[in-house]
Protein backbone atom coordinates (compact mmCIF):
# COMPACT_ATOMS: atom_id res chain seq x y z
CA MET A 1 -7.18 -23.88 -0.55
CA LYS A 2 -6.79 -20.41 0.96
CA VAL A 3 -6.64 -17.34 -1.28
CA GLY A 4 -4.69 -14.33 -0.10
CA ILE A 5 -4.68 -10.81 -1.48
CA ALA A 6 -1.65 -8.54 -1.10
CA LEU A 7 -2.52 -4.86 -1.39
CA GLY A 8 0.40 -2.63 -2.37
CA GLY A 9 1.27 0.87 -1.22
CA GLY A 10 0.77 4.06 -3.19
CA ALA A 11 -1.22 6.53 -1.05
CA ALA A 12 -4.07 7.94 -3.18
CA ARG A 13 -3.55 5.26 -5.82
CA GLY A 14 -4.42 2.77 -3.08
CA LEU A 15 -8.06 3.79 -3.39
CA ALA A 16 -8.04 1.34 -6.31
CA HIS A 17 -7.95 -1.48 -3.74
CA VAL A 18 -11.59 -0.73 -2.94
CA GLY A 19 -12.53 -1.42 -6.55
CA VAL A 20 -10.37 -4.55 -6.73
CA LEU A 21 -11.95 -6.09 -3.63
CA ARG A 22 -15.42 -5.08 -4.76
CA ALA A 23 -14.98 -6.80 -8.14
CA LEU A 24 -13.39 -9.97 -6.77
CA LEU A 25 -16.14 -10.44 -4.22
CA ARG A 26 -18.83 -9.72 -6.81
CA GLU A 27 -17.27 -12.36 -9.09
CA GLY A 28 -17.21 -14.93 -6.31
CA VAL A 29 -13.43 -15.01 -5.78
CA PRO A 30 -12.73 -15.91 -2.13
CA VAL A 31 -10.53 -13.65 0.01
CA ASP A 32 -9.28 -15.70 2.96
CA VAL A 33 -6.15 -13.73 3.92
CA VAL A 34 -5.38 -10.02 3.53
CA THR A 35 -2.00 -8.30 3.76
CA GLY A 36 -1.29 -4.66 3.08
CA THR A 37 1.36 -1.99 2.87
CA SER A 38 0.60 1.67 3.56
CA MET A 39 -2.76 2.55 1.96
CA GLY A 40 -3.11 -1.12 1.12
CA ALA A 41 -2.93 -1.83 4.85
CA ILE A 42 -5.65 0.71 5.62
CA ILE A 43 -8.07 -0.54 2.96
CA GLY A 44 -7.23 -4.17 3.68
CA ALA A 45 -7.69 -3.70 7.43
CA ALA A 46 -11.04 -1.98 6.96
CA TYR A 47 -12.26 -4.89 4.84
CA ALA A 48 -10.82 -7.56 7.17
CA ALA A 49 -12.64 -5.90 10.07
CA SER A 50 -16.07 -5.65 8.45
CA GLY A 51 -16.14 -8.15 5.58
CA ASP A 52 -18.27 -5.54 3.79
CA ILE A 53 -16.51 -3.69 0.97
CA ALA A 54 -19.51 -1.39 0.42
CA LEU A 55 -19.14 -0.23 4.03
CA VAL A 56 -15.42 0.33 3.48
CA GLU A 57 -16.08 2.44 0.38
CA GLU A 58 -18.68 4.48 2.23
CA GLY A 59 -16.24 5.16 5.06
CA VAL A 60 -13.40 6.14 2.72
CA ARG A 61 -15.60 8.52 0.75
CA LYS A 62 -16.90 10.08 3.95
CA VAL A 63 -13.37 10.81 5.14
CA LEU A 64 -12.22 12.21 1.79
CA SER A 65 -15.22 14.53 1.55
CA SER A 66 -14.87 15.81 5.12
CA GLU A 67 -13.80 19.40 5.74
CA GLN A 68 -11.02 18.18 7.99
CA PHE A 69 -9.43 16.11 5.22
CA ARG A 70 -9.91 18.81 2.59
CA ASN A 71 -8.10 21.27 4.84
CA ASN A 72 -5.02 19.13 5.39
CA ARG A 73 -1.84 19.93 3.51
CA LEU A 74 -1.70 16.91 1.21
CA ASN A 75 -3.29 18.85 -1.65
CA PHE A 76 -0.32 21.20 -1.49
CA LEU A 77 1.91 18.31 -2.55
CA ARG A 78 -0.25 17.16 -5.43
CA GLU A 79 1.11 17.44 -8.97
CA THR A 80 -1.22 17.23 -11.95
CA LYS A 81 -0.27 15.76 -15.29
CA ARG A 82 -1.05 19.08 -16.92
CA GLN A 83 1.51 20.86 -14.74
CA ARG A 84 4.38 18.50 -15.47
CA GLY A 85 7.16 19.72 -17.69
CA GLY A 86 6.17 23.38 -17.84
CA LEU A 87 7.96 26.35 -16.34
CA LEU A 88 5.22 26.94 -13.80
CA TYR A 89 5.46 23.33 -12.67
CA SER A 90 9.25 23.55 -12.32
CA VAL A 91 9.07 26.69 -10.18
CA THR A 92 6.16 25.60 -7.98
CA ASN A 93 7.62 22.13 -7.54
CA LEU A 94 10.91 23.62 -6.33
CA VAL A 95 8.98 25.69 -3.81
CA ARG A 96 6.99 22.65 -2.69
CA ARG A 97 10.10 20.55 -2.31
CA GLY A 98 11.89 23.32 -0.46
CA ILE A 99 9.05 23.69 2.00
CA VAL A 100 8.66 19.95 2.53
CA TYR A 101 12.41 19.30 2.91
CA GLY A 102 12.85 22.42 5.00
CA THR A 103 10.01 21.36 7.27
CA SER A 104 11.48 17.89 7.58
CA THR A 105 14.82 19.26 8.75
CA MET A 106 13.16 21.39 11.42
CA ARG A 107 10.66 18.83 12.69
CA GLN A 108 9.88 15.14 12.31
CA ALA A 109 7.20 15.33 9.62
CA PHE A 110 5.20 17.55 7.27
CA LEU A 111 1.84 16.43 8.71
CA SER A 112 1.07 15.81 12.37
CA ALA A 113 0.19 12.41 13.79
CA GLU A 114 -3.03 13.90 15.16
CA GLU A 115 -4.26 14.91 11.70
CA PHE A 116 -3.70 11.41 10.36
CA ALA A 117 -5.10 9.67 13.45
CA LYS A 118 -8.46 11.39 13.08
CA SER A 119 -8.84 10.12 9.52
CA MET A 120 -7.71 6.65 10.58
CA GLU A 121 -10.28 6.51 13.38
CA ALA A 122 -13.06 7.28 10.92
CA ILE A 123 -12.13 4.29 8.73
CA LEU A 124 -10.81 1.66 11.14
CA PRO A 125 -12.47 0.29 14.29
CA ASP A 126 -10.53 0.25 17.56
CA VAL A 127 -9.97 -3.52 17.66
CA ARG A 128 -7.13 -6.01 17.87
CA ILE A 129 -5.82 -7.66 14.73
CA GLU A 130 -6.10 -11.18 16.11
CA ASP A 131 -9.83 -10.64 16.69
CA LEU A 132 -10.61 -9.81 13.05
CA PRO A 133 -12.94 -12.21 11.21
CA ILE A 134 -10.51 -12.32 8.26
CA PRO A 135 -6.78 -12.94 8.92
CA PHE A 136 -4.85 -9.72 8.29
CA ALA A 137 -1.30 -8.40 8.50
CA ALA A 138 0.22 -4.97 7.91
CA VAL A 139 3.84 -4.41 6.88
CA ALA A 140 6.17 -1.71 8.23
CA LEU A 141 9.90 -0.96 8.37
CA ASP A 142 11.77 -0.87 11.69
CA LEU A 143 14.23 1.99 11.20
CA LYS A 144 16.48 1.02 14.10
CA ALA A 145 16.86 -2.67 13.31
CA GLY A 146 16.59 -2.19 9.56
CA VAL A 147 14.13 -5.08 9.16
CA GLU A 148 10.65 -5.62 7.80
CA VAL A 149 8.00 -6.10 10.48
CA ILE A 150 4.70 -7.92 9.98
CA PHE A 151 1.95 -6.80 12.34
CA CYS A 152 -0.50 -9.64 12.94
CA HIS A 153 -1.35 -8.98 16.60
CA GLY A 154 -2.40 -5.98 18.66
CA SER A 155 -3.96 -2.62 17.82
CA LEU A 156 -5.28 -2.48 14.27
CA ARG A 157 -5.08 1.31 14.13
CA GLN A 158 -1.55 1.42 15.49
CA ALA A 159 -0.32 -1.20 13.04
CA CYS A 160 -1.86 0.61 10.07
CA SER A 161 -0.45 3.93 11.29
CA ALA A 162 3.03 2.40 11.34
CA SER A 163 2.56 0.84 7.90
CA SER A 164 1.45 4.23 6.49
CA ALA A 165 4.02 6.54 8.10
CA ILE A 166 5.59 7.98 4.93
CA PRO A 167 9.05 9.31 5.95
CA GLY A 168 9.11 13.10 6.00
CA ILE A 169 5.34 13.35 5.49
CA LEU A 170 4.07 11.54 8.59
CA PRO A 171 6.02 10.97 11.83
CA PRO A 172 7.38 7.50 12.67
CA VAL A 173 5.29 5.35 14.99
CA ARG A 174 7.07 4.13 18.12
CA ILE A 175 6.08 0.66 19.30
CA ASN A 176 7.85 -1.30 22.03
CA GLY A 177 11.04 0.70 21.56
CA ARG A 178 10.95 0.32 17.78
CA VAL A 179 10.69 3.21 15.32
CA MET A 180 8.32 2.24 12.51
CA VAL A 181 7.77 3.84 9.10
CA ASP A 182 5.93 3.05 5.88
CA GLY A 183 6.30 -0.60 4.83
CA GLY A 184 6.65 0.38 1.18
CA TRP A 185 10.36 0.99 1.74
CA VAL A 186 10.90 -2.76 2.06
CA ASP A 187 7.74 -4.41 0.71
CA LYS A 188 5.83 -2.61 -2.03
CA VAL A 189 3.41 -5.50 -2.60
CA PRO A 190 3.35 -7.77 0.49
CA ILE A 191 3.03 -11.12 -1.27
CA LEU A 192 5.44 -13.10 0.91
CA PRO A 193 3.64 -12.03 4.11
CA ALA A 194 0.39 -13.37 2.59
CA PHE A 195 2.04 -16.76 2.05
CA ARG A 196 3.32 -16.63 5.58
CA MET A 197 -0.18 -15.93 6.87
CA GLY A 198 -1.32 -19.22 5.40
CA ALA A 199 -2.41 -18.40 1.84
CA ASP A 200 -1.89 -21.09 -0.78
CA VAL A 201 -2.53 -18.77 -3.72
CA VAL A 202 -1.76 -15.04 -3.57
CA ILE A 203 -3.20 -12.27 -5.74
CA GLY A 204 -0.92 -9.23 -5.72
CA VAL A 205 -2.32 -5.76 -6.42
CA ASP A 206 0.35 -3.42 -7.80
CA ILE A 207 -0.47 0.30 -7.76
CA SER A 208 3.06 1.56 -8.36
CA ALA A 209 3.61 4.94 -9.96
CA ASP A 210 4.51 5.26 -13.63
CA LEU A 211 8.29 5.30 -14.14
CA GLU A 212 8.37 8.37 -16.36
CA ASP A 213 11.55 10.04 -17.59
CA THR A 214 10.50 13.71 -17.71
CA ARG A 215 13.44 15.60 -16.18
CA ASP A 216 16.77 16.80 -17.50
CA TYR A 217 18.68 15.83 -14.34
CA THR A 218 20.52 19.13 -13.93
CA ARG A 219 19.62 19.16 -10.23
CA GLY A 220 21.00 16.64 -7.78
CA ILE A 221 17.59 16.08 -6.19
CA ASP A 222 16.19 15.02 -9.57
CA VAL A 223 19.00 12.51 -10.01
CA PHE A 224 18.39 11.14 -6.52
CA MET A 225 14.63 10.83 -7.00
CA ARG A 226 15.00 9.16 -10.39
CA ALA A 227 17.50 6.63 -9.03
CA ASN A 228 15.23 5.89 -6.08
CA ALA A 229 12.24 5.40 -8.40
CA ILE A 230 14.21 2.91 -10.51
CA LYS A 231 15.27 1.04 -7.37
CA ASP A 232 11.62 0.83 -6.33
CA SER A 233 10.61 -0.53 -9.74
CA PHE A 234 13.16 -3.35 -9.45
CA LEU A 235 11.86 -4.22 -5.96
CA VAL A 236 8.29 -4.32 -7.24
CA ALA A 237 9.27 -6.50 -10.20
CA LEU A 238 10.90 -9.02 -7.86
CA GLN A 239 7.91 -9.13 -5.56
CA ARG A 240 5.44 -9.39 -8.41
CA SER A 241 7.27 -12.49 -9.69
CA ILE A 242 6.29 -14.33 -6.52
CA ALA A 243 2.53 -13.78 -6.90
CA ASP A 244 0.28 -16.31 -8.59
CA VAL A 245 -1.75 -13.49 -10.19
CA VAL A 246 -1.01 -9.76 -10.40
CA VAL A 247 -3.79 -7.19 -10.72
CA GLU A 248 -2.56 -3.84 -12.03
CA PRO A 249 -5.17 -1.05 -11.93
CA ALA A 250 -4.63 1.77 -14.43
CA VAL A 251 -3.63 4.31 -11.77
CA ARG A 252 0.10 4.56 -12.46
CA LYS A 253 -0.23 8.18 -13.60
CA VAL A 254 -2.23 9.28 -10.53
CA HIS A 255 -0.15 11.37 -8.15
CA TRP A 256 0.18 9.85 -4.70
CA ALA A 257 -1.43 12.90 -3.04
CA ASP A 258 -4.34 13.25 -5.51
CA PHE A 259 -7.15 11.92 -3.33
CA GLY A 260 -9.60 13.80 -5.52
CA ALA A 261 -9.14 10.98 -8.04
CA VAL A 262 -11.17 8.60 -5.85
CA ASP A 263 -13.78 7.80 -8.51
CA HIS A 264 -11.16 7.09 -11.16
CA CYS A 265 -9.06 4.92 -8.83
CA ILE A 266 -11.94 2.79 -7.57
CA ALA A 267 -13.28 2.29 -11.09
CA ALA A 268 -9.81 1.38 -12.36
CA GLY A 269 -9.41 -1.19 -9.59
CA ASP A 270 -12.77 -2.75 -10.39
CA GLU A 271 -11.97 -2.95 -14.11
CA ALA A 272 -8.52 -4.48 -13.60
CA ALA A 273 -9.84 -7.10 -11.19
CA VAL A 274 -12.61 -8.13 -13.57
CA LYS A 275 -10.02 -8.64 -16.33
CA ALA A 276 -7.94 -10.80 -13.98
CA VAL A 277 -10.81 -13.05 -12.86
CA PRO A 278 -10.43 -15.65 -15.67
CA HIS A 279 -6.75 -16.06 -14.81
CA ILE A 280 -7.55 -16.32 -11.10
CA ARG A 281 -10.16 -19.02 -11.75
CA GLU A 282 -7.70 -20.91 -13.93
CA VAL A 283 -5.11 -20.86 -11.14
CA LEU A 284 -7.66 -22.02 -8.58
CA ARG A 285 -8.82 -24.85 -10.82
CA SER A 286 -5.35 -26.09 -11.62
CA GLU A 287 -4.09 -28.93 -9.48
CA ARG A 288 -0.55 -28.15 -10.63
CA TRP A 289 -0.51 -24.47 -9.66
CA ARG A 290 2.39 -24.86 -7.22
CA SER A 291 4.81 -26.06 -9.90
CA VAL A 292 3.40 -24.29 -12.94
CA VAL A 293 2.10 -20.90 -11.91
CA ARG A 294 4.49 -19.70 -9.21
CA PRO A 295 8.01 -19.06 -10.61
CA LEU A 296 10.81 -21.19 -9.16
CA LEU A 297 12.67 -18.17 -7.78
CA GLY A 298 9.56 -16.86 -6.06
CA LYS A 299 8.82 -20.28 -4.61
CA ARG A 300 12.30 -20.52 -3.12
CA LEU A 301 12.10 -17.02 -1.68
CA ALA A 302 8.74 -17.85 -0.14
CA GLU A 303 10.17 -20.99 1.46
CA VAL A 304 13.07 -19.06 3.00
CA TYR A 305 10.76 -16.29 4.17
CA LEU A 306 8.22 -18.69 5.62
CA ALA A 307 10.99 -20.42 7.58
CA SER A 308 12.01 -17.14 9.24
CA GLU A 309 10.59 -16.43 12.68
CA ASP A 310 12.05 -13.05 13.52
CA LEU A 311 9.81 -10.74 11.49
CA ARG A 312 6.59 -11.09 13.43
CA VAL A 313 6.03 -8.58 16.23
CA ARG A 314 3.22 -8.18 18.71
CA VAL A 315 1.68 -4.72 19.05
CA GLU A 316 0.68 -4.16 22.66
């Protein structure tokens, strides 16, 4: 029986994946298939390439502590819990939004591809996905075709770059005439791709943001962002229903750009995975897990998805 782990997107919150993998491996839970979206793709790819989560954590911490990363503009976008709701927060957030949206109308993205590529190169080896010791797939969205794409062949770095290309923040990645952006727009927690990669049991790791209602909705942008957040929460709920086990690290209140929360995120991932281990072992022991554990709706969706052949793309 193959066990897959589906690592969700969430930028800085995705650092929790390091802790989740560390705890599962320490507890003797097998990880036979890895799928990831956005930061989940980066962490998952690094582990699939090395099979050594300690090495992955070392690499991530090295990148985050580097002068190059500290000097990028992500910290400019970070909101702290203490700032939310106050006048200063409202004013500075308007300025931040104005700069980000203004930049996005003048050029393709807030950050350059070169800035991101340097960080990616420090974490991921320059190898092909099909050569990894652990089966891996990254999820992205094809903007032109409007379909989800599962990268399971070709350049590991290029696939993870496409999966992590947050619209407006990082430029789209062009592959074979396709225009790829962050997979989180179609697959927040890539559980179905894990089934498609051959997993019999899938552990989903959900690092979604907290759905807080903190605004008065007097501005149109606030209405839009709130509606989009609710839409995302419904998508996540649907995808979670398909997993056999869901691990939910306590990182929902961490801002997506707060990479300074690395210690908290990794610890939260470790703690959540440890709590989930008894349930995981129960699922693995059960001979009736197919009919009892996985919901009927999720099972049917998985069957339809697994029968589809048009979502896999080769990265040359």
